[in-house]
Each structure stands twice: as C-alpha cells, then as structure tokens.
Amino acid sequence: MVRQIRSIIGDNTPIIIVTAYDWTAFEDEARAAGVTAFCNKPIFLSELRDTLIAATRNTLPEQTPPVPDLTEHLKGTRLLLAEDNELNREIAEALLTNSGFLVETAEDGNVAVDKVKNSAPGYYSLVLMDIQMPHMNGYDATKAIRALENPSLARIPIVAMTANAFEEDRNQALACGMNAHIAKPINIQNLLEVLTDILNQEGRER
C-alpha cells in the first residue's frame, strides 16, 4: 500500500507509520517502500511533533539546495502565527524559531486581529494566517486587519498557510488582501524563500 501511495504523491511528501508494534523488524523493507518515519503508540505530542519536524526536513529533494540561512538583518524578525491546531502551531513555531525568527501565536482569527490591532506599528513584521479557524477564519481575519484605522497596522504582510492548495484557494487568499499563499504540509525551504522575499520587499519600500 505504501508503494501505491508513494507512486501517487511522489517523493517529497512524508509517509509516517503509527504503530503499537515493534517496527524494527520491518524497518528496512518499509523504508525501501517509501516510509519516511515511524511513531509509536501511545502517541505523545512531543514525540509526534519531533517526528513530523524531522520528516518534513528529511523529505526535501536531493537536488534542492540547502535551506538558506536568514540574512542577519532578518534574524530576530517577529512574526505572528495564527493557527488553531495545537500540533500544527507547535511544529510551525519550532521550524520558524529554529530558522531565526521570533514567533508569537494566536489560536484563532479573533485573537490574531486583536494582537495586531493592539500592537505598536512594526512590532510584528508579518502574519502567517491559517484559513480554517474557529470564531473567525483566516479570510475574515485578514479583511479585519486590512480595515484597521492605523494604516501602518492595516498594511502588515499576511501570508496564508493552509492545506487548501488549489489555485482557486490561492486566488481567494490574494483577493481578500493576503500577500502570498503557502500550502501545507510546510516545505521549510519554500516558506523561508517566501518570507524572505516579502520582508525584503517591505524593507525596500520603507
């Protein structure tokens, strides 16, 4: 079954086996079939988080150049991450922090809007916005931020970070005022390239 799935999704998407059994006996065969990693039951959040982070890093194509380091002027840049799923939030926060960003989080769209609204201009340099969130989704949260009275806050770069990866989803994100669209599962290299481009452009425009 793993081989069939791998033939459909390609080589860059992680496949993780979650099992209560000792997997060491079939590990070599499973990896040859395309399995990226293993996770034991019962599942602990910290172990699952570490497995997902490692699997995401290890599935970058061999031909792809190494993930670029942030230039010095971007290290310490503060981002607001709006994500309602606790595990997704922890993984994204760990990836971004390890890359040199400072990260604050919001568990839904309402909280994200309030944090931006009550911040000093320039405190957050960019918002990473999940789309499917309770209370206020990412589209409505973006519209609310764009409607803030303070123009410096209203124009903050906002990047959609969502599993909705079709072209129509990207177009909807841009139409509501977002600057870019990043598909889940997160490809850290692509994420850093998008963030670097946007932040550098913002710096040139100031």
N, C-alpha and C. Protein backbone atom coordinates (compact mmCIF):
# COMPACT_ATOMS: atom_id res chain seq x y z
N MET A 1 0.83 -1.20 0.00
CA MET A 1 0.00 0.00 0.00
C MET A 1 0.88 1.27 0.00
N VAL A 2 1.98 1.24 0.78
CA VAL A 2 2.86 2.40 0.82
C VAL A 2 3.41 2.70 -0.56
N ARG A 3 3.81 1.66 -1.28
CA ARG A 3 4.34 1.87 -2.63
C ARG A 3 3.30 2.52 -3.53
N GLN A 4 2.03 2.09 -3.41
CA GLN A 4 0.96 2.68 -4.22
C GLN A 4 0.76 4.15 -3.88
N ILE A 5 0.76 4.45 -2.59
CA ILE A 5 0.59 5.85 -2.16
C ILE A 5 1.77 6.69 -2.65
N ARG A 6 2.98 6.15 -2.49
CA ARG A 6 4.17 6.89 -2.91
C ARG A 6 4.16 7.16 -4.41
N SER A 7 3.65 6.21 -5.19
CA SER A 7 3.60 6.41 -6.64
C SER A 7 2.63 7.51 -7.03
N ILE A 8 1.67 7.79 -6.16
CA ILE A 8 0.67 8.83 -6.44
C ILE A 8 1.15 10.20 -5.97
N ILE A 9 1.71 10.25 -4.76
CA ILE A 9 2.04 11.55 -4.16
C ILE A 9 3.46 11.99 -4.44
N GLY A 10 4.31 11.10 -4.98
CA GLY A 10 5.69 11.48 -5.26
C GLY A 10 6.58 11.30 -4.05
N ASP A 11 7.81 11.79 -4.17
CA ASP A 11 8.83 11.53 -3.16
C ASP A 11 8.92 12.57 -2.05
N ASN A 12 8.26 13.71 -2.21
CA ASN A 12 8.51 14.82 -1.30
C ASN A 12 7.52 14.94 -0.16
N THR A 13 6.48 14.09 -0.13
CA THR A 13 5.51 14.13 0.96
C THR A 13 5.81 13.03 1.96
N PRO A 14 5.95 13.37 3.24
CA PRO A 14 6.27 12.35 4.24
C PRO A 14 5.16 11.31 4.40
N ILE A 15 5.55 10.07 4.60
CA ILE A 15 4.65 9.00 4.99
C ILE A 15 5.15 8.46 6.32
N ILE A 16 4.32 8.52 7.35
CA ILE A 16 4.71 8.11 8.70
C ILE A 16 3.83 6.95 9.13
N ILE A 17 4.44 5.86 9.57
CA ILE A 17 3.71 4.73 10.11
C ILE A 17 3.54 4.91 11.61
N VAL A 18 2.30 4.85 12.07
CA VAL A 18 2.00 4.93 13.50
C VAL A 18 1.57 3.54 13.95
N THR A 19 2.29 2.95 14.88
CA THR A 19 2.06 1.56 15.25
C THR A 19 2.34 1.31 16.72
N ALA A 20 1.63 0.32 17.28
CA ALA A 20 1.88 -0.10 18.66
C ALA A 20 2.85 -1.26 18.72
N TYR A 21 3.28 -1.74 17.55
CA TYR A 21 4.16 -2.90 17.49
C TYR A 21 5.61 -2.48 17.26
N ASP A 22 6.52 -3.42 17.51
CA ASP A 22 7.93 -3.20 17.27
C ASP A 22 8.17 -3.17 15.76
N TRP A 23 8.56 -2.01 15.25
CA TRP A 23 8.69 -1.85 13.81
C TRP A 23 10.11 -2.09 13.31
N THR A 24 11.04 -2.37 14.23
CA THR A 24 12.43 -2.51 13.80
C THR A 24 12.64 -3.71 12.88
N ALA A 25 11.79 -4.74 13.03
CA ALA A 25 11.95 -5.94 12.22
C ALA A 25 11.65 -5.69 10.75
N PHE A 26 10.76 -4.74 10.46
CA PHE A 26 10.41 -4.47 9.06
C PHE A 26 10.80 -3.06 8.62
N GLU A 27 11.65 -2.42 9.41
CA GLU A 27 12.02 -1.04 9.09
C GLU A 27 12.67 -0.91 7.71
N ASP A 28 13.65 -1.77 7.40
CA ASP A 28 14.36 -1.65 6.13
C ASP A 28 13.40 -1.83 4.95
N GLU A 29 12.52 -2.81 5.05
CA GLU A 29 11.56 -3.06 3.98
C GLU A 29 10.60 -1.89 3.83
N ALA A 30 10.15 -1.32 4.97
CA ALA A 30 9.22 -0.20 4.94
C ALA A 30 9.86 1.04 4.33
N ARG A 31 11.10 1.30 4.71
CA ARG A 31 11.79 2.48 4.15
C ARG A 31 12.04 2.31 2.66
N ALA A 32 12.35 1.09 2.24
CA ALA A 32 12.54 0.83 0.82
C ALA A 32 11.26 1.05 0.03
N ALA A 33 10.13 0.82 0.70
CA ALA A 33 8.83 1.03 0.04
C ALA A 33 8.43 2.49 0.00
N GLY A 34 9.10 3.33 0.83
CA GLY A 34 8.79 4.76 0.79
C GLY A 34 8.38 5.37 2.10
N VAL A 35 8.45 4.62 3.19
CA VAL A 35 8.09 5.17 4.51
C VAL A 35 9.18 6.13 4.97
N THR A 36 8.77 7.27 5.47
CA THR A 36 9.72 8.30 5.90
C THR A 36 10.13 8.12 7.35
N ALA A 37 9.17 7.79 8.22
CA ALA A 37 9.46 7.73 9.65
C ALA A 37 8.43 6.86 10.34
N PHE A 38 8.68 6.57 11.61
CA PHE A 38 7.80 5.74 12.43
C PHE A 38 7.49 6.49 13.72
N CYS A 39 6.29 6.23 14.25
CA CYS A 39 5.89 6.84 15.51
C CYS A 39 5.16 5.79 16.33
N ASN A 40 5.55 5.65 17.59
CA ASN A 40 4.99 4.60 18.44
C ASN A 40 3.68 5.03 19.10
N LYS A 41 2.81 4.05 19.29
CA LYS A 41 1.62 4.23 20.13
C LYS A 41 1.94 3.73 21.52
N PRO A 42 1.39 4.32 22.58
CA PRO A 42 0.52 5.50 22.55
C PRO A 42 1.29 6.74 22.10
N ILE A 43 0.59 7.63 21.44
CA ILE A 43 1.24 8.79 20.85
C ILE A 43 1.37 9.91 21.89
N PHE A 44 2.57 10.41 22.03
CA PHE A 44 2.81 11.59 22.87
C PHE A 44 3.05 12.78 21.96
N LEU A 45 2.46 13.91 22.32
CA LEU A 45 2.52 15.08 21.47
C LEU A 45 3.94 15.48 21.14
N SER A 46 4.83 15.46 22.14
CA SER A 46 6.21 15.87 21.90
C SER A 46 6.90 14.95 20.91
N GLU A 47 6.66 13.64 21.02
CA GLU A 47 7.29 12.69 20.10
C GLU A 47 6.74 12.86 18.69
N LEU A 48 5.42 13.04 18.58
CA LEU A 48 4.82 13.22 17.27
C LEU A 48 5.33 14.50 16.63
N ARG A 49 5.44 15.56 17.41
CA ARG A 49 5.95 16.84 16.89
C ARG A 49 7.36 16.67 16.35
N ASP A 50 8.22 16.03 17.15
CA ASP A 50 9.61 15.83 16.72
C ASP A 50 9.69 14.97 15.47
N THR A 51 8.84 13.94 15.39
CA THR A 51 8.84 13.07 14.21
C THR A 51 8.40 13.84 12.97
N LEU A 52 7.38 14.66 13.10
CA LEU A 52 6.88 15.43 11.96
C LEU A 52 7.91 16.46 11.49
N ILE A 53 8.57 17.12 12.44
CA ILE A 53 9.59 18.10 12.07
C ILE A 53 10.73 17.41 11.33
N ALA A 54 11.19 16.29 11.88
CA ALA A 54 12.29 15.56 11.25
C ALA A 54 11.88 15.05 9.87
N ALA A 55 10.66 14.53 9.75
CA ALA A 55 10.19 14.00 8.47
C ALA A 55 10.08 15.11 7.43
N THR A 56 9.62 16.27 7.84
CA THR A 56 9.49 17.40 6.91
C THR A 56 10.85 17.83 6.40
N ARG A 57 11.83 17.89 7.28
CA ARG A 57 13.17 18.29 6.86
C ARG A 57 13.81 17.25 5.94
N ASN A 58 13.57 15.99 6.24
CA ASN A 58 14.24 14.92 5.51
C ASN A 58 13.64 14.64 4.15
N THR A 59 12.52 15.26 3.79
CA THR A 59 11.90 14.98 2.51
C THR A 59 12.16 16.06 1.48
N LEU A 60 13.07 16.99 1.75
CA LEU A 60 13.48 17.93 0.72
C LEU A 60 14.19 17.18 -0.39
N PRO A 61 13.91 17.47 -1.67
CA PRO A 61 14.55 16.75 -2.76
C PRO A 61 16.07 16.87 -2.68
N GLU A 62 16.78 15.79 -3.08
CA GLU A 62 18.23 15.80 -3.03
C GLU A 62 18.81 16.88 -3.93
N GLN A 63 18.12 17.21 -5.03
CA GLN A 63 18.64 18.20 -5.96
C GLN A 63 18.45 19.61 -5.45
N THR A 64 17.64 19.77 -4.40
CA THR A 64 17.33 21.10 -3.89
C THR A 64 18.49 21.64 -3.07
N PRO A 65 18.90 22.87 -3.28
CA PRO A 65 19.99 23.42 -2.47
C PRO A 65 19.59 23.49 -1.01
N PRO A 66 20.55 23.55 -0.11
CA PRO A 66 20.25 23.60 1.31
C PRO A 66 19.35 24.79 1.65
N VAL A 67 18.57 24.62 2.71
CA VAL A 67 17.70 25.71 3.15
C VAL A 67 18.56 26.92 3.50
N PRO A 68 18.27 28.06 2.89
CA PRO A 68 19.13 29.23 3.12
C PRO A 68 18.99 29.76 4.54
N ASP A 69 20.10 30.22 5.09
CA ASP A 69 20.04 30.90 6.38
C ASP A 69 19.44 32.28 6.18
N LEU A 70 18.75 32.75 7.21
CA LEU A 70 18.26 34.12 7.16
C LEU A 70 19.45 35.07 7.15
N THR A 71 19.34 36.11 6.35
CA THR A 71 20.38 37.14 6.41
C THR A 71 20.30 37.82 7.78
N GLU A 72 21.40 38.42 8.18
CA GLU A 72 21.49 38.96 9.54
C GLU A 72 20.38 39.97 9.84
N HIS A 73 20.01 40.77 8.83
CA HIS A 73 19.02 41.82 9.11
C HIS A 73 17.62 41.26 9.32
N LEU A 74 17.40 39.97 8.98
CA LEU A 74 16.08 39.37 9.20
C LEU A 74 16.02 38.51 10.46
N LYS A 75 17.18 38.14 10.99
CA LYS A 75 17.19 37.35 12.21
C LYS A 75 16.62 38.17 13.35
N GLY A 76 15.73 37.55 14.11
CA GLY A 76 15.06 38.26 15.18
C GLY A 76 13.80 38.97 14.75
N THR A 77 13.43 38.82 13.46
CA THR A 77 12.18 39.41 12.98
C THR A 77 11.00 38.72 13.68
N ARG A 78 10.05 39.52 14.15
CA ARG A 78 8.93 38.98 14.91
C ARG A 78 7.74 38.69 13.99
N LEU A 79 7.26 37.45 14.04
CA LEU A 79 6.11 37.03 13.25
C LEU A 79 4.96 36.68 14.18
N LEU A 80 3.74 36.85 13.68
CA LEU A 80 2.55 36.37 14.38
C LEU A 80 2.01 35.17 13.62
N LEU A 81 1.92 34.04 14.29
CA LEU A 81 1.43 32.79 13.69
C LEU A 81 0.03 32.52 14.19
N ALA A 82 -0.96 32.58 13.30
CA ALA A 82 -2.35 32.31 13.65
C ALA A 82 -2.70 30.89 13.19
N GLU A 83 -2.89 30.00 14.13
CA GLU A 83 -3.13 28.58 13.84
C GLU A 83 -3.91 27.97 15.00
N ASP A 84 -5.08 27.37 14.72
CA ASP A 84 -5.90 26.84 15.81
C ASP A 84 -5.48 25.45 16.25
N ASN A 85 -4.85 24.67 15.35
CA ASN A 85 -4.44 23.31 15.70
C ASN A 85 -3.16 23.34 16.52
N GLU A 86 -3.20 22.80 17.73
CA GLU A 86 -2.07 22.91 18.65
C GLU A 86 -0.81 22.26 18.09
N LEU A 87 -0.96 21.08 17.50
CA LEU A 87 0.21 20.39 16.96
C LEU A 87 0.81 21.15 15.79
N ASN A 88 -0.04 21.58 14.85
CA ASN A 88 0.44 22.37 13.70
C ASN A 88 1.13 23.64 14.17
N ARG A 89 0.55 24.25 15.20
CA ARG A 89 1.11 25.51 15.73
C ARG A 89 2.51 25.27 16.32
N GLU A 90 2.66 24.17 17.06
CA GLU A 90 3.95 23.87 17.68
C GLU A 90 5.01 23.56 16.63
N ILE A 91 4.62 22.80 15.59
CA ILE A 91 5.58 22.45 14.54
C ILE A 91 6.02 23.70 13.79
N ALA A 92 5.05 24.51 13.37
CA ALA A 92 5.39 25.72 12.62
C ALA A 92 6.23 26.66 13.47
N GLU A 93 5.88 26.81 14.74
CA GLU A 93 6.64 27.69 15.64
C GLU A 93 8.08 27.20 15.78
N ALA A 94 8.25 25.86 15.91
CA ALA A 94 9.60 25.31 16.06
C ALA A 94 10.42 25.53 14.79
N LEU A 95 9.83 25.30 13.62
CA LEU A 95 10.54 25.50 12.37
C LEU A 95 10.97 26.95 12.20
N LEU A 96 10.06 27.87 12.50
CA LEU A 96 10.36 29.29 12.33
C LEU A 96 11.39 29.77 13.34
N THR A 97 11.25 29.33 14.58
CA THR A 97 12.20 29.73 15.62
C THR A 97 13.59 29.20 15.31
N ASN A 98 13.66 27.95 14.87
CA ASN A 98 14.96 27.37 14.52
C ASN A 98 15.60 28.08 13.32
N SER A 99 14.78 28.75 12.52
CA SER A 99 15.30 29.48 11.36
C SER A 99 15.73 30.89 11.70
N GLY A 100 15.48 31.33 12.93
CA GLY A 100 15.96 32.64 13.35
C GLY A 100 14.90 33.68 13.62
N PHE A 101 13.61 33.32 13.45
CA PHE A 101 12.54 34.27 13.70
C PHE A 101 12.14 34.26 15.17
N LEU A 102 11.57 35.36 15.63
CA LEU A 102 10.83 35.40 16.88
C LEU A 102 9.37 35.16 16.54
N VAL A 103 8.69 34.30 17.28
CA VAL A 103 7.33 33.90 16.92
C VAL A 103 6.40 34.08 18.10
N GLU A 104 5.29 34.77 17.86
CA GLU A 104 4.17 34.79 18.80
C GLU A 104 2.99 34.12 18.12
N THR A 105 2.07 33.57 18.89
CA THR A 105 1.00 32.77 18.31
C THR A 105 -0.38 33.30 18.68
N ALA A 106 -1.34 32.94 17.84
CA ALA A 106 -2.76 33.22 18.09
C ALA A 106 -3.54 31.97 17.73
N GLU A 107 -4.47 31.57 18.59
CA GLU A 107 -5.17 30.31 18.37
C GLU A 107 -6.41 30.42 17.50
N ASP A 108 -6.80 31.62 17.14
CA ASP A 108 -7.90 31.79 16.18
C ASP A 108 -7.83 33.18 15.56
N GLY A 109 -8.72 33.42 14.60
CA GLY A 109 -8.68 34.67 13.86
C GLY A 109 -8.96 35.89 14.71
N ASN A 110 -9.89 35.78 15.65
CA ASN A 110 -10.20 36.91 16.53
C ASN A 110 -8.98 37.36 17.32
N VAL A 111 -8.26 36.37 17.87
CA VAL A 111 -7.08 36.68 18.67
C VAL A 111 -6.01 37.33 17.80
N ALA A 112 -5.86 36.82 16.56
CA ALA A 112 -4.87 37.40 15.65
C ALA A 112 -5.17 38.86 15.35
N VAL A 113 -6.44 39.17 15.08
CA VAL A 113 -6.83 40.55 14.79
C VAL A 113 -6.56 41.44 16.00
N ASP A 114 -6.93 40.97 17.20
CA ASP A 114 -6.72 41.76 18.41
C ASP A 114 -5.24 42.01 18.66
N LYS A 115 -4.40 41.00 18.42
CA LYS A 115 -2.97 41.16 18.67
C LYS A 115 -2.37 42.19 17.71
N VAL A 116 -2.78 42.15 16.46
CA VAL A 116 -2.28 43.14 15.51
C VAL A 116 -2.81 44.52 15.86
N LYS A 117 -4.09 44.61 16.15
CA LYS A 117 -4.73 45.89 16.45
C LYS A 117 -4.10 46.57 17.66
N ASN A 118 -3.72 45.78 18.67
CA ASN A 118 -3.19 46.34 19.92
C ASN A 118 -1.67 46.42 19.95
N SER A 119 -1.03 46.11 18.82
CA SER A 119 0.43 46.17 18.77
C SER A 119 0.90 47.53 18.27
N ALA A 120 2.13 47.84 18.57
CA ALA A 120 2.74 49.05 18.01
C ALA A 120 3.13 48.78 16.57
N PRO A 121 3.00 49.77 15.68
CA PRO A 121 3.42 49.58 14.30
C PRO A 121 4.86 49.07 14.22
N GLY A 122 5.07 48.02 13.45
CA GLY A 122 6.39 47.45 13.31
C GLY A 122 6.73 46.38 14.32
N TYR A 123 5.89 46.20 15.35
CA TYR A 123 6.16 45.15 16.34
C TYR A 123 6.14 43.79 15.67
N TYR A 124 5.07 43.53 14.91
CA TYR A 124 5.02 42.33 14.06
C TYR A 124 5.42 42.73 12.65
N SER A 125 6.29 41.95 12.05
CA SER A 125 6.69 42.24 10.67
C SER A 125 5.84 41.51 9.65
N LEU A 126 5.15 40.43 10.08
CA LEU A 126 4.36 39.62 9.14
C LEU A 126 3.45 38.70 9.94
N VAL A 127 2.31 38.37 9.34
CA VAL A 127 1.37 37.43 9.94
C VAL A 127 1.27 36.19 9.05
N LEU A 128 1.45 35.02 9.66
CA LEU A 128 1.18 33.75 8.99
C LEU A 128 -0.21 33.31 9.42
N MET A 129 -1.13 33.19 8.47
CA MET A 129 -2.55 33.04 8.78
C MET A 129 -3.10 31.72 8.25
N ASP A 130 -3.50 30.86 9.18
CA ASP A 130 -4.26 29.67 8.78
C ASP A 130 -5.63 30.13 8.28
N ILE A 131 -6.25 29.31 7.44
CA ILE A 131 -7.55 29.70 6.88
C ILE A 131 -8.71 29.15 7.71
N GLN A 132 -8.72 27.85 7.96
CA GLN A 132 -9.82 27.21 8.68
C GLN A 132 -9.58 27.31 10.18
N MET A 133 -10.21 28.32 10.80
CA MET A 133 -10.08 28.52 12.24
C MET A 133 -11.45 28.81 12.83
N PRO A 134 -11.67 28.47 14.12
CA PRO A 134 -12.95 28.77 14.76
C PRO A 134 -13.11 30.27 15.02
N HIS A 135 -14.34 30.66 15.25
CA HIS A 135 -14.70 32.04 15.63
C HIS A 135 -14.51 33.03 14.47
N MET A 136 -13.35 33.04 13.84
CA MET A 136 -13.11 33.89 12.69
C MET A 136 -12.06 33.22 11.81
N ASN A 137 -12.43 32.94 10.56
CA ASN A 137 -11.47 32.26 9.69
C ASN A 137 -10.41 33.23 9.18
N GLY A 138 -9.42 32.68 8.48
CA GLY A 138 -8.29 33.49 8.04
C GLY A 138 -8.66 34.57 7.05
N TYR A 139 -9.64 34.29 6.19
CA TYR A 139 -10.07 35.29 5.22
C TYR A 139 -10.67 36.50 5.93
N ASP A 140 -11.60 36.23 6.87
CA ASP A 140 -12.26 37.32 7.59
C ASP A 140 -11.27 38.06 8.50
N ALA A 141 -10.34 37.32 9.09
CA ALA A 141 -9.34 37.97 9.93
C ALA A 141 -8.46 38.91 9.10
N THR A 142 -8.12 38.48 7.90
CA THR A 142 -7.32 39.34 7.02
C THR A 142 -8.08 40.60 6.65
N LYS A 143 -9.35 40.44 6.30
CA LYS A 143 -10.18 41.61 5.96
C LYS A 143 -10.28 42.57 7.14
N ALA A 144 -10.39 42.02 8.35
CA ALA A 144 -10.50 42.87 9.54
C ALA A 144 -9.20 43.63 9.78
N ILE A 145 -8.08 42.98 9.56
CA ILE A 145 -6.79 43.66 9.72
C ILE A 145 -6.62 44.74 8.67
N ARG A 146 -6.99 44.44 7.44
CA ARG A 146 -6.88 45.43 6.36
C ARG A 146 -7.79 46.65 6.61
N ALA A 147 -8.82 46.47 7.44
CA ALA A 147 -9.76 47.56 7.72
C ALA A 147 -9.40 48.36 8.97
N LEU A 148 -8.27 48.04 9.61
CA LEU A 148 -7.87 48.78 10.81
C LEU A 148 -7.62 50.25 10.48
N GLU A 149 -7.91 51.11 11.45
CA GLU A 149 -7.77 52.54 11.23
C GLU A 149 -6.31 52.96 11.07
N ASN A 150 -5.41 52.30 11.78
CA ASN A 150 -3.99 52.65 11.68
C ASN A 150 -3.43 52.07 10.38
N PRO A 151 -3.04 52.89 9.42
CA PRO A 151 -2.57 52.38 8.13
C PRO A 151 -1.32 51.52 8.23
N SER A 152 -0.47 51.82 9.20
CA SER A 152 0.75 51.03 9.36
C SER A 152 0.43 49.60 9.78
N LEU A 153 -0.60 49.44 10.62
CA LEU A 153 -1.02 48.11 11.02
C LEU A 153 -1.83 47.42 9.92
N ALA A 154 -2.63 48.19 9.23
CA ALA A 154 -3.51 47.62 8.21
C ALA A 154 -2.75 47.03 7.03
N ARG A 155 -1.54 47.50 6.78
CA ARG A 155 -0.80 47.04 5.60
C ARG A 155 0.22 45.96 5.93
N ILE A 156 0.20 45.41 7.14
CA ILE A 156 1.16 44.38 7.51
C ILE A 156 1.06 43.20 6.53
N PRO A 157 2.17 42.64 6.08
CA PRO A 157 2.10 41.48 5.19
C PRO A 157 1.42 40.30 5.88
N ILE A 158 0.54 39.63 5.14
CA ILE A 158 -0.18 38.47 5.66
C ILE A 158 -0.02 37.33 4.65
N VAL A 159 0.41 36.18 5.13
CA VAL A 159 0.63 35.03 4.27
C VAL A 159 -0.29 33.90 4.69
N ALA A 160 -1.08 33.40 3.76
CA ALA A 160 -1.93 32.25 4.04
C ALA A 160 -1.07 31.00 4.18
N MET A 161 -1.35 30.20 5.20
CA MET A 161 -0.63 28.95 5.40
C MET A 161 -1.70 27.89 5.64
N THR A 162 -2.02 27.11 4.60
CA THR A 162 -3.22 26.29 4.66
C THR A 162 -3.08 25.03 3.82
N ALA A 163 -3.88 24.03 4.18
CA ALA A 163 -3.93 22.78 3.41
C ALA A 163 -4.75 22.96 2.15
N ASN A 164 -5.48 24.05 2.02
CA ASN A 164 -6.25 24.33 0.80
C ASN A 164 -5.28 24.85 -0.26
N ALA A 165 -4.87 23.96 -1.17
CA ALA A 165 -3.74 24.27 -2.04
C ALA A 165 -4.10 24.43 -3.50
N PHE A 166 -5.40 24.50 -3.83
CA PHE A 166 -5.80 24.66 -5.22
C PHE A 166 -5.61 26.12 -5.66
N GLU A 167 -5.56 26.32 -6.96
CA GLU A 167 -5.37 27.66 -7.49
C GLU A 167 -6.48 28.60 -7.05
N GLU A 168 -7.70 28.09 -6.96
CA GLU A 168 -8.83 28.93 -6.53
C GLU A 168 -8.66 29.38 -5.08
N ASP A 169 -8.03 28.52 -4.26
CA ASP A 169 -7.77 28.91 -2.87
C ASP A 169 -6.73 30.01 -2.81
N ARG A 170 -5.69 29.88 -3.63
CA ARG A 170 -4.66 30.91 -3.69
C ARG A 170 -5.27 32.24 -4.15
N ASN A 171 -6.12 32.18 -5.17
CA ASN A 171 -6.75 33.39 -5.69
C ASN A 171 -7.65 34.04 -4.64
N GLN A 172 -8.36 33.21 -3.87
CA GLN A 172 -9.23 33.76 -2.82
C GLN A 172 -8.40 34.43 -1.73
N ALA A 173 -7.26 33.82 -1.40
CA ALA A 173 -6.39 34.42 -0.39
C ALA A 173 -5.89 35.78 -0.84
N LEU A 174 -5.46 35.88 -2.09
CA LEU A 174 -4.97 37.15 -2.61
C LEU A 174 -6.09 38.17 -2.72
N ALA A 175 -7.29 37.71 -3.08
CA ALA A 175 -8.42 38.62 -3.26
C ALA A 175 -8.85 39.27 -1.95
N CYS A 176 -8.67 38.57 -0.83
CA CYS A 176 -9.09 39.15 0.45
C CYS A 176 -8.01 40.01 1.08
N GLY A 177 -6.85 40.11 0.40
CA GLY A 177 -5.82 41.03 0.88
C GLY A 177 -4.55 40.39 1.36
N MET A 178 -4.42 39.07 1.21
CA MET A 178 -3.18 38.41 1.61
C MET A 178 -2.09 38.64 0.58
N ASN A 179 -0.85 38.53 1.02
CA ASN A 179 0.28 38.79 0.12
C ASN A 179 0.79 37.55 -0.59
N ALA A 180 0.55 36.37 0.00
CA ALA A 180 1.05 35.13 -0.58
C ALA A 180 0.30 33.96 0.02
N HIS A 181 0.53 32.79 -0.56
CA HIS A 181 -0.18 31.57 -0.16
C HIS A 181 0.83 30.43 -0.08
N ILE A 182 0.92 29.78 1.07
CA ILE A 182 1.81 28.65 1.27
C ILE A 182 0.99 27.43 1.63
N ALA A 183 1.22 26.33 0.93
CA ALA A 183 0.45 25.11 1.15
C ALA A 183 1.07 24.27 2.27
N LYS A 184 0.21 23.59 3.01
CA LYS A 184 0.64 22.59 3.98
C LYS A 184 0.63 21.22 3.29
N PRO A 185 1.47 20.26 3.74
CA PRO A 185 2.46 20.36 4.80
C PRO A 185 3.57 21.33 4.42
N ILE A 186 4.13 21.98 5.41
CA ILE A 186 5.08 23.06 5.18
C ILE A 186 6.38 22.53 4.59
N ASN A 187 6.79 23.12 3.49
CA ASN A 187 8.14 22.93 2.97
C ASN A 187 8.96 24.11 3.48
N ILE A 188 9.86 23.84 4.41
CA ILE A 188 10.56 24.92 5.11
C ILE A 188 11.36 25.78 4.15
N GLN A 189 11.93 25.19 3.12
CA GLN A 189 12.70 26.00 2.17
C GLN A 189 11.79 26.98 1.45
N ASN A 190 10.66 26.49 0.96
CA ASN A 190 9.71 27.37 0.26
C ASN A 190 9.19 28.45 1.21
N LEU A 191 8.89 28.05 2.45
CA LEU A 191 8.40 29.02 3.43
C LEU A 191 9.41 30.13 3.65
N LEU A 192 10.67 29.78 3.86
CA LEU A 192 11.70 30.79 4.10
C LEU A 192 11.91 31.69 2.89
N GLU A 193 11.85 31.11 1.70
CA GLU A 193 12.02 31.91 0.50
C GLU A 193 10.90 32.94 0.35
N VAL A 194 9.65 32.51 0.61
CA VAL A 194 8.51 33.42 0.50
C VAL A 194 8.62 34.53 1.55
N LEU A 195 8.90 34.15 2.79
CA LEU A 195 9.00 35.14 3.86
C LEU A 195 10.14 36.12 3.60
N THR A 196 11.28 35.60 3.14
CA THR A 196 12.42 36.47 2.87
C THR A 196 12.10 37.46 1.76
N ASP A 197 11.46 37.00 0.70
CA ASP A 197 11.10 37.90 -0.41
C ASP A 197 10.18 39.01 0.07
N ILE A 198 9.15 38.65 0.84
CA ILE A 198 8.18 39.64 1.29
C ILE A 198 8.82 40.63 2.26
N LEU A 199 9.58 40.13 3.21
CA LEU A 199 10.19 41.01 4.21
C LEU A 199 11.24 41.92 3.59
N ASN A 200 12.00 41.40 2.64
CA ASN A 200 12.98 42.26 1.96
C ASN A 200 12.28 43.34 1.14
N GLN A 201 11.18 42.98 0.51
CA GLN A 201 10.42 43.98 -0.27
C GLN A 201 9.85 45.05 0.65
N GLU A 202 9.34 44.62 1.82
CA GLU A 202 8.84 45.59 2.78
C GLU A 202 9.94 46.55 3.22
N GLY A 203 11.12 45.99 3.45
CA GLY A 203 12.23 46.84 3.86
C GLY A 203 12.62 47.86 2.81
N ARG A 204 12.55 47.47 1.53
CA ARG A 204 12.89 48.41 0.46
C ARG A 204 11.85 49.51 0.33
N GLU A 205 10.59 49.20 0.65
CA GLU A 205 9.51 50.17 0.47
C GLU A 205 9.42 51.16 1.61
N ARG A 206 10.08 50.88 2.72
CA ARG A 206 10.00 51.80 3.86
C ARG A 206 10.98 52.96 3.71
